[in-house]
Amino acid sequence: MRRILALSITLSLAACTARQPQTPVAQPAPPKPEPTDQTSLTGLTTQELVARFGVPALQIREGNSLKLQFRGRRCVMDAYLYPSGGSGALKVTHVDTRTPTGGAFDQAACIFSLRERAS
């Protein structure tokens, strides 16, 4: 009986103690992973495109957007950049590829061809 009384008093006291509220700890944002798909250019900046493909053959500004054109013997690639997020940095949102005469050309093959040329 004394054990039960001692245990109940201990449990009662433990339940009455004030608990400090736990403040959530801010976790740092995980680093942005590098894209594993080398054919995806979406999200790249102007500087990143120039680093991959060299100086563009054509730059066209229209309003707050930018079109960069990269040309090779086999294909032409147009990258369209628009302001992204709160920073306003221009980033690729769309890419078109074609032959120099305007015919269809596989995007992945064009990107590979232009990267080889820039290396």
PDB file of N, CA and C in Angstrom:
ATOM      1  N   MET A   1       0.800  -1.181   0.000  1.00  0.00           N
ATOM      2  CA  MET A   1       0.000   0.000   0.000  1.00  0.00           C
ATOM      3  C   MET A   1       0.852   1.258   0.000  1.00  0.00           C
ATOM      4  N   ARG A   2       1.950   1.226   0.792  1.00  0.00           N
ATOM      5  CA  ARG A   2       2.835   2.384   0.814  1.00  0.00           C
ATOM      6  C   ARG A   2       3.481   2.602  -0.555  1.00  0.00           C
ATOM      7  N   ARG A   3       3.792   1.510  -1.242  1.00  0.00           N
ATOM      8  CA  ARG A   3       4.384   1.629  -2.585  1.00  0.00           C
ATOM      9  C   ARG A   3       3.415   2.317  -3.538  1.00  0.00           C
ATOM     10  N   ILE A   4       2.159   1.927  -3.462  1.00  0.00           N
ATOM     11  CA  ILE A   4       1.153   2.511  -4.347  1.00  0.00           C
ATOM     12  C   ILE A   4       0.989   3.994  -4.026  1.00  0.00           C
ATOM     13  N   LEU A   5       0.969   4.336  -2.732  1.00  0.00           N
ATOM     14  CA  LEU A   5       0.837   5.721  -2.313  1.00  0.00           C
ATOM     15  C   LEU A   5       2.043   6.535  -2.774  1.00  0.00           C
ATOM     16  N   ALA A   6       3.246   6.005  -2.598  1.00  0.00           N
ATOM     17  CA  ALA A   6       4.470   6.710  -3.013  1.00  0.00           C
ATOM     18  C   ALA A   6       4.494   6.884  -4.528  1.00  0.00           C
ATOM     19  N   LEU A   7       4.086   5.851  -5.241  1.00  0.00           N
ATOM     20  CA  LEU A   7       4.062   5.925  -6.706  1.00  0.00           C
ATOM     21  C   LEU A   7       3.040   6.943  -7.193  1.00  0.00           C
ATOM     22  N   SER A   8       1.868   6.973  -6.581  1.00  0.00           N
ATOM     23  CA  SER A   8       0.838   7.923  -7.007  1.00  0.00           C
ATOM     24  C   SER A   8       1.249   9.354  -6.688  1.00  0.00           C
ATOM     25  N   ILE A   9       1.917   9.590  -5.571  1.00  0.00           N
ATOM     26  CA  ILE A   9       2.398  10.939  -5.234  1.00  0.00           C
ATOM     27  C   ILE A   9       3.466  11.364  -6.240  1.00  0.00           C
ATOM     28  N   THR A  10       4.372  10.480  -6.575  1.00  0.00           N
ATOM     29  CA  THR A  10       5.434  10.785  -7.537  1.00  0.00           C
ATOM     30  C   THR A  10       4.847  11.118  -8.901  1.00  0.00           C
ATOM     31  N   LEU A  11       3.883  10.308  -9.332  1.00  0.00           N
ATOM     32  CA  LEU A  11       3.251  10.566 -10.626  1.00  0.00           C
ATOM     33  C   LEU A  11       2.472  11.874 -10.609  1.00  0.00           C
ATOM     34  N   SER A  12       1.811  12.183  -9.503  1.00  0.00           N
ATOM     35  CA  SER A  12       1.052  13.434  -9.394  1.00  0.00           C
ATOM     36  C   SER A  12       1.976  14.636  -9.463  1.00  0.00           C
ATOM     37  N   LEU A  13       3.099  14.552  -8.767  1.00  0.00           N
ATOM     38  CA  LEU A  13       4.060  15.652  -8.785  1.00  0.00           C
ATOM     39  C   LEU A  13       4.682  15.820 -10.181  1.00  0.00           C
ATOM     40  N   ALA A  14       4.950  14.725 -10.823  1.00  0.00           N
ATOM     41  CA  ALA A  14       5.535  14.789 -12.167  1.00  0.00           C
ATOM     42  C   ALA A  14       4.559  15.424 -13.146  1.00  0.00           C
ATOM     43  N   ALA A  15       3.299  15.161 -12.995  1.00  0.00           N
ATOM     44  CA  ALA A  15       2.285  15.724 -13.888  1.00  0.00           C
ATOM     45  C   ALA A  15       2.083  17.213 -13.634  1.00  0.00           C
ATOM     46  N   CYS A  16       2.380  17.692 -12.436  1.00  0.00           N
ATOM     47  CA  CYS A  16       2.161  19.092 -12.086  1.00  0.00           C
ATOM     48  C   CYS A  16       3.321  19.996 -12.456  1.00  0.00           C
ATOM     49  N   THR A  17       4.460  19.451 -12.737  1.00  0.00           N
ATOM     50  CA  THR A  17       5.604  20.303 -13.050  1.00  0.00           C
ATOM     51  C   THR A  17       5.357  21.027 -14.364  1.00  0.00           C
ATOM     52  N   ALA A  18       5.782  22.269 -14.383  1.00  0.00           N
ATOM     53  CA  ALA A  18       5.581  23.087 -15.588  1.00  0.00           C
ATOM     54  C   ALA A  18       6.579  22.657 -16.655  1.00  0.00           C
ATOM     55  N   ARG A  19       6.060  22.512 -17.864  1.00  0.00           N
ATOM     56  CA  ARG A  19       6.931  22.140 -18.977  1.00  0.00           C
ATOM     57  C   ARG A  19       7.222  23.395 -19.780  1.00  0.00           C
ATOM     58  N   GLN A  20       8.443  23.532 -20.163  1.00  0.00           N
ATOM     59  CA  GLN A  20       8.831  24.649 -20.998  1.00  0.00           C
ATOM     60  C   GLN A  20       8.377  24.355 -22.429  1.00  0.00           C
ATOM     61  N   PRO A  21       7.727  25.328 -23.080  1.00  0.00           N
ATOM     62  CA  PRO A  21       7.346  25.076 -24.470  1.00  0.00           C
ATOM     63  C   PRO A  21       8.592  24.951 -25.341  1.00  0.00           C
ATOM     64  N   GLN A  22       8.540  23.995 -26.204  1.00  0.00           N
ATOM     65  CA  GLN A  22       9.688  23.779 -27.084  1.00  0.00           C
ATOM     66  C   GLN A  22       9.562  24.688 -28.290  1.00  0.00           C
ATOM     67  N   THR A  23      10.604  25.447 -28.523  1.00  0.00           N
ATOM     68  CA  THR A  23      10.604  26.300 -29.707  1.00  0.00           C
ATOM     69  C   THR A  23      11.147  25.485 -30.870  1.00  0.00           C
ATOM     70  N   PRO A  24      10.461  25.563 -32.005  1.00  0.00           N
ATOM     71  CA  PRO A  24      10.934  24.792 -33.153  1.00  0.00           C
ATOM     72  C   PRO A  24      12.282  25.327 -33.633  1.00  0.00           C
ATOM     73  N   VAL A  25      13.145  24.417 -33.950  1.00  0.00           N
ATOM     74  CA  VAL A  25      14.465  24.776 -34.444  1.00  0.00           C
ATOM     75  C   VAL A  25      14.386  24.890 -35.958  1.00  0.00           C
ATOM     76  N   ALA A  26      14.805  26.035 -36.463  1.00  0.00           N
ATOM     77  CA  ALA A  26      14.777  26.248 -37.914  1.00  0.00           C
ATOM     78  C   ALA A  26      15.857  25.392 -38.574  1.00  0.00           C
ATOM     79  N   GLN A  27      15.436  24.585 -39.505  1.00  0.00           N
ATOM     80  CA  GLN A  27      16.369  23.737 -40.235  1.00  0.00           C
ATOM     81  C   GLN A  27      16.843  24.488 -41.473  1.00  0.00           C
ATOM     82  N   PRO A  28      18.136  24.472 -41.755  1.00  0.00           N
ATOM     83  CA  PRO A  28      18.603  25.129 -42.967  1.00  0.00           C
ATOM     84  C   PRO A  28      18.052  24.424 -44.202  1.00  0.00           C
ATOM     85  N   ALA A  29      17.814  25.206 -45.235  1.00  0.00           N
ATOM     86  CA  ALA A  29      17.284  24.627 -46.477  1.00  0.00           C
ATOM     87  C   ALA A  29      18.312  23.675 -47.066  1.00  0.00           C
ATOM     88  N   PRO A  30      17.866  22.529 -47.574  1.00  0.00           N
ATOM     89  CA  PRO A  30      18.825  21.606 -48.176  1.00  0.00           C
ATOM     90  C   PRO A  30      19.409  22.221 -49.438  1.00  0.00           C
ATOM     91  N   PRO A  31      20.661  21.892 -49.753  1.00  0.00           N
ATOM     92  CA  PRO A  31      21.259  22.460 -50.956  1.00  0.00           C
ATOM     93  C   PRO A  31      20.508  22.012 -52.194  1.00  0.00           C
ATOM     94  N   LYS A  32      20.453  22.902 -53.181  1.00  0.00           N
ATOM     95  CA  LYS A  32      19.749  22.600 -54.417  1.00  0.00           C
ATOM     96  C   LYS A  32      20.526  21.525 -55.169  1.00  0.00           C
ATOM     97  N   PRO A  33      19.880  20.392 -55.458  1.00  0.00           N
ATOM     98  CA  PRO A  33      20.613  19.326 -56.133  1.00  0.00           C
ATOM     99  C   PRO A  33      20.926  19.704 -57.577  1.00  0.00           C
ATOM    100  N   GLU A  34      22.072  19.237 -58.035  1.00  0.00           N
ATOM    101  CA  GLU A  34      22.442  19.446 -59.425  1.00  0.00           C
ATOM    102  C   GLU A  34      21.544  18.584 -60.297  1.00  0.00           C
ATOM    103  N   PRO A  35      21.077  19.142 -61.409  1.00  0.00           N
ATOM    104  CA  PRO A  35      20.226  18.319 -62.271  1.00  0.00           C
ATOM    105  C   PRO A  35      21.016  17.155 -62.842  1.00  0.00           C
ATOM    106  N   THR A  36      20.421  15.974 -62.777  1.00  0.00           N
ATOM    107  CA  THR A  36      21.108  14.804 -63.318  1.00  0.00           C
ATOM    108  C   THR A  36      20.839  14.662 -64.802  1.00  0.00           C
ATOM    109  N   ASP A  37      19.755  15.262 -65.254  1.00  0.00           N
ATOM    110  CA  ASP A  37      19.406  15.214 -66.666  1.00  0.00           C
ATOM    111  C   ASP A  37      20.114  16.368 -67.370  1.00  0.00           C
ATOM    112  N   GLN A  38      21.174  16.066 -68.086  1.00  0.00           N
ATOM    113  CA  GLN A  38      21.971  17.090 -68.738  1.00  0.00           C
ATOM    114  C   GLN A  38      21.257  17.733 -69.920  1.00  0.00           C
ATOM    115  N   THR A  39      20.103  17.205 -70.322  1.00  0.00           N
ATOM    116  CA  THR A  39      19.369  17.792 -71.436  1.00  0.00           C
ATOM    117  C   THR A  39      18.330  18.796 -70.959  1.00  0.00           C
ATOM    118  N   SER A  40      18.101  18.884 -69.667  1.00  0.00           N
ATOM    119  CA  SER A  40      17.131  19.834 -69.141  1.00  0.00           C
ATOM    120  C   SER A  40      17.836  21.149 -68.838  1.00  0.00           C
ATOM    121  N   LEU A  41      17.409  22.191 -69.493  1.00  0.00           N
ATOM    122  CA  LEU A  41      18.002  23.507 -69.282  1.00  0.00           C
ATOM    123  C   LEU A  41      17.098  24.415 -68.457  1.00  0.00           C
ATOM    124  N   THR A  42      15.908  23.951 -68.143  1.00  0.00           N
ATOM    125  CA  THR A  42      14.954  24.743 -67.386  1.00  0.00           C
ATOM    126  C   THR A  42      15.552  25.150 -66.043  1.00  0.00           C
ATOM    127  N   GLY A  43      15.440  26.441 -65.747  1.00  0.00           N
ATOM    128  CA  GLY A  43      15.938  26.959 -64.473  1.00  0.00           C
ATOM    129  C   GLY A  43      17.348  27.516 -64.532  1.00  0.00           C
ATOM    130  N   LEU A  44      18.052  27.331 -65.646  1.00  0.00           N
ATOM    131  CA  LEU A  44      19.412  27.858 -65.748  1.00  0.00           C
ATOM    132  C   LEU A  44      19.384  29.365 -65.976  1.00  0.00           C
ATOM    133  N   THR A  45      20.414  30.052 -65.507  1.00  0.00           N
ATOM    134  CA  THR A  45      20.547  31.488 -65.710  1.00  0.00           C
ATOM    135  C   THR A  45      21.331  31.758 -66.993  1.00  0.00           C
ATOM    136  N   THR A  46      21.376  33.025 -67.374  1.00  0.00           N
ATOM    137  CA  THR A  46      22.133  33.434 -68.558  1.00  0.00           C
ATOM    138  C   THR A  46      23.594  33.014 -68.419  1.00  0.00           C
ATOM    139  N   GLN A  47      24.182  33.245 -67.261  1.00  0.00           N
ATOM    140  CA  GLN A  47      25.583  32.906 -67.031  1.00  0.00           C
ATOM    141  C   GLN A  47      25.826  31.404 -67.161  1.00  0.00           C
ATOM    142  N   GLU A  48      24.891  30.606 -66.661  1.00  0.00           N
ATOM    143  CA  GLU A  48      25.040  29.153 -66.751  1.00  0.00           C
ATOM    144  C   GLU A  48      24.941  28.670 -68.199  1.00  0.00           C
ATOM    145  N   LEU A  49      24.058  29.283 -68.985  1.00  0.00           N
ATOM    146  CA  LEU A  49      23.955  28.919 -70.406  1.00  0.00           C
ATOM    147  C   LEU A  49      25.245  29.258 -71.141  1.00  0.00           C
ATOM    148  N   VAL A  50      25.780  30.443 -70.889  1.00  0.00           N
ATOM    149  CA  VAL A  50      27.025  30.855 -71.550  1.00  0.00           C
ATOM    150  C   VAL A  50      28.175  29.931 -71.133  1.00  0.00           C
ATOM    151  N   ALA A  51      28.194  29.513 -69.883  1.00  0.00           N
ATOM    152  CA  ALA A  51      29.243  28.588 -69.429  1.00  0.00           C
ATOM    153  C   ALA A  51      29.149  27.247 -70.150  1.00  0.00           C
ATOM    154  N   ARG A  52      27.931  26.807 -70.467  1.00  0.00           N
ATOM    155  CA  ARG A  52      27.747  25.509 -71.140  1.00  0.00           C
ATOM    156  C   ARG A  52      27.932  25.582 -72.650  1.00  0.00           C
ATOM    157  N   PHE A  53      27.447  26.671 -73.271  1.00  0.00           N
ATOM    158  CA  PHE A  53      27.383  26.711 -74.730  1.00  0.00           C
ATOM    159  C   PHE A  53      28.229  27.810 -75.370  1.00  0.00           C
ATOM    160  N   GLY A  54      28.878  28.632 -74.589  1.00  0.00           N
ATOM    161  CA  GLY A  54      29.665  29.723 -75.142  1.00  0.00           C
ATOM    162  C   GLY A  54      28.797  30.948 -75.391  1.00  0.00           C
ATOM    163  N   VAL A  55      29.373  31.917 -76.081  1.00  0.00           N
ATOM    164  CA  VAL A  55      28.663  33.169 -76.358  1.00  0.00           C
ATOM    165  C   VAL A  55      27.519  32.901 -77.337  1.00  0.00           C
ATOM    166  N   PRO A  56      26.316  33.395 -77.028  1.00  0.00           N
ATOM    167  CA  PRO A  56      25.183  33.160 -77.930  1.00  0.00           C
ATOM    168  C   PRO A  56      25.364  33.914 -79.252  1.00  0.00           C
ATOM    169  N   ALA A  57      24.840  33.338 -80.326  1.00  0.00           N
ATOM    170  CA  ALA A  57      24.898  33.972 -81.639  1.00  0.00           C
ATOM    171  C   ALA A  57      23.921  35.133 -81.733  1.00  0.00           C
ATOM    172  N   LEU A  58      22.876  35.115 -80.900  1.00  0.00           N
ATOM    173  CA  LEU A  58      21.843  36.137 -80.954  1.00  0.00           C
ATOM    174  C   LEU A  58      21.250  36.325 -79.568  1.00  0.00           C
ATOM    175  N   GLN A  59      21.019  37.601 -79.214  1.00  0.00           N
ATOM    176  CA  GLN A  59      20.341  37.934 -77.958  1.00  0.00           C
ATOM    177  C   GLN A  59      19.228  38.920 -78.287  1.00  0.00           C
ATOM    178  N   ILE A  60      18.019  38.610 -77.867  1.00  0.00           N
ATOM    179  CA  ILE A  60      16.890  39.503 -78.118  1.00  0.00           C
ATOM    180  C   ILE A  60      16.192  39.773 -76.798  1.00  0.00           C
ATOM    181  N   ARG A  61      16.113  41.059 -76.419  1.00  0.00           N
ATOM    182  CA  ARG A  61      15.372  41.469 -75.218  1.00  0.00           C
ATOM    183  C   ARG A  61      14.000  41.951 -75.648  1.00  0.00           C
ATOM    184  N   GLU A  62      12.994  41.480 -74.933  1.00  0.00           N
ATOM    185  CA  GLU A  62      11.639  41.940 -75.174  1.00  0.00           C
ATOM    186  C   GLU A  62      10.962  42.109 -73.823  1.00  0.00           C
ATOM    187  N   GLY A  63      10.732  43.357 -73.445  1.00  0.00           N
ATOM    188  CA  GLY A  63      10.184  43.617 -72.115  1.00  0.00           C
ATOM    189  C   GLY A  63      11.176  43.159 -71.058  1.00  0.00           C
ATOM    190  N   ASN A  64      10.721  42.310 -70.146  1.00  0.00           N
ATOM    191  CA  ASN A  64      11.609  41.802 -69.111  1.00  0.00           C
ATOM    192  C   ASN A  64      12.091  40.378 -69.402  1.00  0.00           C
ATOM    193  N   SER A  65      11.933  39.931 -70.654  1.00  0.00           N
ATOM    194  CA  SER A  65      12.371  38.582 -71.026  1.00  0.00           C
ATOM    195  C   SER A  65      13.581  38.667 -71.958  1.00  0.00           C
ATOM    196  N   LEU A  66      14.212  37.517 -72.169  1.00  0.00           N
ATOM    197  CA  LEU A  66      15.405  37.437 -73.004  1.00  0.00           C
ATOM    198  C   LEU A  66      15.391  36.127 -73.783  1.00  0.00           C
ATOM    199  N   LYS A  67      15.740  36.218 -75.065  1.00  0.00           N
ATOM    200  CA  LYS A  67      15.893  35.021 -75.903  1.00  0.00           C
ATOM    201  C   LYS A  67      17.365  34.935 -76.284  1.00  0.00           C
ATOM    202  N   LEU A  68      17.973  33.789 -76.000  1.00  0.00           N
ATOM    203  CA  LEU A  68      19.356  33.527 -76.404  1.00  0.00           C
ATOM    204  C   LEU A  68      19.341  32.432 -77.458  1.00  0.00           C
ATOM    205  N   GLN A  69      20.078  32.643 -78.534  1.00  0.00           N
ATOM    206  CA  GLN A  69      20.141  31.644 -79.602  1.00  0.00           C
ATOM    207  C   GLN A  69      21.578  31.155 -79.726  1.00  0.00           C
ATOM    208  N   PHE A  70      21.712  29.827 -79.724  1.00  0.00           N
ATOM    209  CA  PHE A  70      23.007  29.174 -79.906  1.00  0.00           C
ATOM    210  C   PHE A  70      22.935  28.380 -81.196  1.00  0.00           C
ATOM    211  N   ARG A  71      23.973  28.512 -82.041  1.00  0.00           N
ATOM    212  CA  ARG A  71      23.961  27.857 -83.348  1.00  0.00           C
ATOM    213  C   ARG A  71      25.157  26.933 -83.496  1.00  0.00           C
ATOM    214  N   GLY A  72      24.884  25.812 -84.144  1.00  0.00           N
ATOM    215  CA  GLY A  72      25.925  24.865 -84.500  1.00  0.00           C
ATOM    216  C   GLY A  72      25.726  24.454 -85.951  1.00  0.00           C
ATOM    217  N   ARG A  73      26.583  23.581 -86.462  1.00  0.00           N
ATOM    218  CA  ARG A  73      26.440  23.116 -87.847  1.00  0.00           C
ATOM    219  C   ARG A  73      25.169  22.294 -88.018  1.00  0.00           C
ATOM    220  N   ARG A  74      24.811  21.521 -86.984  1.00  0.00           N
ATOM    221  CA  ARG A  74      23.686  20.593 -87.097  1.00  0.00           C
ATOM    222  C   ARG A  74      22.355  21.167 -86.635  1.00  0.00           C
ATOM    223  N   CYS A  75      22.386  22.147 -85.700  1.00  0.00           N
ATOM    224  CA  CYS A  75      21.121  22.618 -85.133  1.00  0.00           C
ATOM    225  C   CYS A  75      21.230  24.031 -84.575  1.00  0.00           C
ATOM    226  N   VAL A  76      20.058  24.585 -84.284  1.00  0.00           N
ATOM    227  CA  VAL A  76      19.917  25.903 -83.657  1.00  0.00           C
ATOM    228  C   VAL A  76      19.057  25.710 -82.413  1.00  0.00           C
ATOM    229  N   MET A  77      19.465  26.354 -81.314  1.00  0.00           N
ATOM    230  CA  MET A  77      18.706  26.256 -80.067  1.00  0.00           C
ATOM    231  C   MET A  77      18.337  27.655 -79.593  1.00  0.00           C
ATOM    232  N   ASP A  78      17.056  27.853 -79.303  1.00  0.00           N
ATOM    233  CA  ASP A  78      16.571  29.103 -78.725  1.00  0.00           C
ATOM    234  C   ASP A  78      16.171  28.830 -77.282  1.00  0.00           C
ATOM    235  N   ALA A  79      16.759  29.589 -76.354  1.00  0.00           N
ATOM    236  CA  ALA A  79      16.422  29.478 -74.930  1.00  0.00           C
ATOM    237  C   ALA A  79      15.703  30.756 -74.515  1.00  0.00           C
ATOM    238  N   TYR A  80      14.535  30.608 -73.903  1.00  0.00           N
ATOM    239  CA  TYR A  80      13.719  31.746 -73.483  1.00  0.00           C
ATOM    240  C   TYR A  80      13.811  31.884 -71.968  1.00  0.00           C
ATOM    241  N   LEU A  81      14.244  33.074 -71.523  1.00  0.00           N
ATOM    242  CA  LEU A  81      14.444  33.327 -70.102  1.00  0.00           C
ATOM    243  C   LEU A  81      13.469  34.407 -69.620  1.00  0.00           C
ATOM    244  N   TYR A  82      12.869  34.150 -68.465  1.00  0.00           N
ATOM    245  CA  TYR A  82      11.926  35.085 -67.853  1.00  0.00           C
ATOM    246  C   TYR A  82      12.300  35.270 -66.388  1.00  0.00           C
ATOM    247  N   PRO A  83      11.895  36.403 -65.765  1.00  0.00           N
ATOM    248  CA  PRO A  83      12.193  36.618 -64.344  1.00  0.00           C
ATOM    249  C   PRO A  83      11.608  35.495 -63.496  1.00  0.00           C
ATOM    250  N   SER A  84      12.375  35.090 -62.500  1.00  0.00           N
ATOM    251  CA  SER A  84      11.956  33.975 -61.656  1.00  0.00           C
ATOM    252  C   SER A  84      11.953  34.379 -60.194  1.00  0.00           C
ATOM    253  N   GLY A  85      10.875  34.062 -59.510  1.00  0.00           N
ATOM    254  CA  GLY A  85      10.792  34.272 -58.067  1.00  0.00           C
ATOM    255  C   GLY A  85      10.937  35.732 -57.675  1.00  0.00           C
ATOM    256  N   GLY A  86      11.229  35.952 -56.415  1.00  0.00           N
ATOM    257  CA  GLY A  86      11.367  37.305 -55.890  1.00  0.00           C
ATOM    258  C   GLY A  86      12.654  37.995 -56.301  1.00  0.00           C
ATOM    259  N   SER A  87      13.671  37.220 -56.688  1.00  0.00           N
ATOM    260  CA  SER A  87      14.953  37.821 -57.037  1.00  0.00           C
ATOM    261  C   SER A  87      14.908  38.533 -58.378  1.00  0.00           C
ATOM    262  N   GLY A  88      14.026  38.114 -59.258  1.00  0.00           N
ATOM    263  CA  GLY A  88      13.932  38.726 -60.579  1.00  0.00           C
ATOM    264  C   GLY A  88      15.002  38.258 -61.540  1.00  0.00           C
ATOM    265  N   ALA A  89      15.825  37.290 -61.118  1.00  0.00           N
ATOM    266  CA  ALA A  89      16.868  36.767 -62.000  1.00  0.00           C
ATOM    267  C   ALA A  89      16.222  36.042 -63.174  1.00  0.00           C
ATOM    268  N   LEU A  90      16.775  36.255 -64.360  1.00  0.00           N
ATOM    269  CA  LEU A  90      16.247  35.595 -65.548  1.00  0.00           C
ATOM    270  C   LEU A  90      16.663  34.129 -65.553  1.00  0.00           C
ATOM    271  N   LYS A  91      15.684  33.252 -65.795  1.00  0.00           N
ATOM    272  CA  LYS A  91      15.955  31.813 -65.840  1.00  0.00           C
ATOM    273  C   LYS A  91      15.214  31.203 -67.013  1.00  0.00           C
ATOM    274  N   VAL A  92      15.785  30.112 -67.550  1.00  0.00           N
ATOM    275  CA  VAL A  92      15.194  29.430 -68.702  1.00  0.00           C
ATOM    276  C   VAL A  92      13.856  28.815 -68.310  1.00  0.00           C
ATOM    277  N   THR A  93      12.833  29.118 -69.127  1.00  0.00           N
ATOM    278  CA  THR A  93      11.524  28.504 -68.925  1.00  0.00           C
ATOM    279  C   THR A  93      11.127  27.629 -70.109  1.00  0.00           C
ATOM    280  N   HIS A  94      11.748  27.858 -71.284  1.00  0.00           N
ATOM    281  CA  HIS A  94      11.390  27.094 -72.475  1.00  0.00           C
ATOM    282  C   HIS A  94      12.583  27.052 -73.432  1.00  0.00           C
ATOM    283  N   VAL A  95      12.717  25.927 -74.140  1.00  0.00           N
ATOM    284  CA  VAL A  95      13.794  25.744 -75.121  1.00  0.00           C
ATOM    285  C   VAL A  95      13.200  25.162 -76.390  1.00  0.00           C
ATOM    286  N   ASP A  96      13.583  25.725 -77.536  1.00  0.00           N
ATOM    287  CA  ASP A  96      13.210  25.196 -78.854  1.00  0.00           C
ATOM    288  C   ASP A  96      14.482  24.820 -79.589  1.00  0.00           C
ATOM    289  N   THR A  97      14.445  23.706 -80.324  1.00  0.00           N
ATOM    290  CA  THR A  97      15.571  23.316 -81.170  1.00  0.00           C
ATOM    291  C   THR A  97      15.056  22.990 -82.566  1.00  0.00           C
ATOM    292  N   ARG A  98      15.937  23.215 -83.559  1.00  0.00           N
ATOM    293  CA  ARG A  98      15.584  22.945 -84.955  1.00  0.00           C
ATOM    294  C   ARG A  98      16.859  22.837 -85.765  1.00  0.00           C
ATOM    295  N   THR A  99      16.714  22.392 -87.022  1.00  0.00           N
ATOM    296  CA  THR A  99      17.853  22.383 -87.939  1.00  0.00           C
ATOM    297  C   THR A  99      18.089  23.825 -88.401  1.00  0.00           C
ATOM    298  N   PRO A 100      19.251  24.133 -88.973  1.00  0.00           N
ATOM    299  CA  PRO A 100      19.489  25.485 -89.482  1.00  0.00           C
ATOM    300  C   PRO A 100      18.488  25.910 -90.560  1.00  0.00           C
ATOM    301  N   THR A 101      17.860  24.955 -91.234  1.00  0.00           N
ATOM    302  CA  THR A 101      16.858  25.289 -92.258  1.00  0.00           C
ATOM    303  C   THR A 101      15.438  25.326 -91.694  1.00  0.00           C
ATOM    304  N   GLY A 102      15.279  25.062 -90.400  1.00  0.00           N
ATOM    305  CA  GLY A 102      13.967  25.157 -89.760  1.00  0.00           C
ATOM    306  C   GLY A 102      13.249  23.852 -89.525  1.00  0.00           C
ATOM    307  N   GLY A 103      13.846  22.737 -89.909  1.00  0.00           N
ATOM    308  CA  GLY A 103      13.222  21.430 -89.698  1.00  0.00           C
ATOM    309  C   GLY A 103      13.324  20.969 -88.255  1.00  0.00           C
ATOM    310  N   ALA A 104      12.588  19.921 -87.950  1.00  0.00           N
ATOM    311  CA  ALA A 104      12.599  19.359 -86.590  1.00  0.00           C
ATOM    312  C   ALA A 104      13.963  18.759 -86.262  1.00  0.00           C
ATOM    313  N   PHE A 105      14.376  18.910 -85.007  1.00  0.00           N
ATOM    314  CA  PHE A 105      15.642  18.331 -84.542  1.00  0.00           C
ATOM    315  C   PHE A 105      15.461  17.945 -83.086  1.00  0.00           C
ATOM    316  N   ASP A 106      15.921  16.764 -82.721  1.00  0.00           N
ATOM    317  CA  ASP A 106      15.794  16.258 -81.356  1.00  0.00           C
ATOM    318  C   ASP A 106      16.510  17.197 -80.373  1.00  0.00           C
ATOM    319  N   GLN A 107      15.796  17.606 -79.323  1.00  0.00           N
ATOM    320  CA  GLN A 107      16.351  18.559 -78.366  1.00  0.00           C
ATOM    321  C   GLN A 107      17.591  18.028 -77.653  1.00  0.00           C
ATOM    322  N   ALA A 108      17.546  16.796 -77.173  1.00  0.00           N
ATOM    323  CA  ALA A 108      18.692  16.229 -76.464  1.00  0.00           C
ATOM    324  C   ALA A 108      19.914  16.147 -77.382  1.00  0.00           C
ATOM    325  N   ALA A 109      19.714  15.745 -78.630  1.00  0.00           N
ATOM    326  CA  ALA A 109      20.827  15.647 -79.573  1.00  0.00           C
ATOM    327  C   ALA A 109      21.403  17.026 -79.880  1.00  0.00           C
ATOM    328  N   CYS A 110      20.554  18.033 -79.976  1.00  0.00           N
ATOM    329  CA  CYS A 110      21.019  19.393 -80.240  1.00  0.00           C
ATOM    330  C   CYS A 110      21.843  19.916 -79.063  1.00  0.00           C
ATOM    331  N   ILE A 111      21.338  19.722 -77.857  1.00  0.00           N
ATOM    332  CA  ILE A 111      22.065  20.178 -76.665  1.00  0.00           C
ATOM    333  C   ILE A 111      23.426  19.499 -76.598  1.00  0.00           C
ATOM    334  N   PHE A 112      23.479  18.205 -76.853  1.00  0.00           N
ATOM    335  CA  PHE A 112      24.744  17.473 -76.841  1.00  0.00           C
ATOM    336  C   PHE A 112      25.686  18.031 -77.908  1.00  0.00           C
ATOM    337  N   SER A 113      25.162  18.260 -79.107  1.00  0.00           N
ATOM    338  CA  SER A 113      25.965  18.773 -80.210  1.00  0.00           C
ATOM    339  C   SER A 113      26.542  20.156 -79.883  1.00  0.00           C
ATOM    340  N   LEU A 114      25.731  21.030 -79.323  1.00  0.00           N
ATOM    341  CA  LEU A 114      26.189  22.369 -78.999  1.00  0.00           C
ATOM    342  C   LEU A 114      27.183  22.368 -77.839  1.00  0.00           C
ATOM    343  N   ARG A 115      27.014  21.476 -76.898  1.00  0.00           N
ATOM    344  CA  ARG A 115      27.981  21.378 -75.774  1.00  0.00           C
ATOM    345  C   ARG A 115      29.328  20.881 -76.260  1.00  0.00           C
ATOM    346  N   GLU A 116      29.293  19.939 -77.201  1.00  0.00           N
ATOM    347  CA  GLU A 116      30.559  19.421 -77.767  1.00  0.00           C
ATOM    348  C   GLU A 116      31.295  20.532 -78.510  1.00  0.00           C
ATOM    349  N   ARG A 117      30.535  21.359 -79.211  1.00  0.00           N
ATOM    350  CA  ARG A 117      31.114  22.453 -79.967  1.00  0.00           C
ATOM    351  C   ARG A 117      31.765  23.472 -79.020  1.00  0.00           C
ATOM    352  N   ALA A 118      31.132  23.717 -77.870  1.00  0.00           N
ATOM    353  CA  ALA A 118      31.621  24.715 -76.925  1.00  0.00           C
ATOM    354  C   ALA A 118      32.825  24.216 -76.126  1.00  0.00           C
ATOM    355  N   SER A 119      33.029  22.919 -76.066  1.00  0.00           N
ATOM    356  CA  SER A 119      34.136  22.362 -75.255  1.00  0.00           C
ATOM    357  C   SER A 119      35.478  22.622 -75.871  1.00  0.00           C
TER     358      SER A 119
END
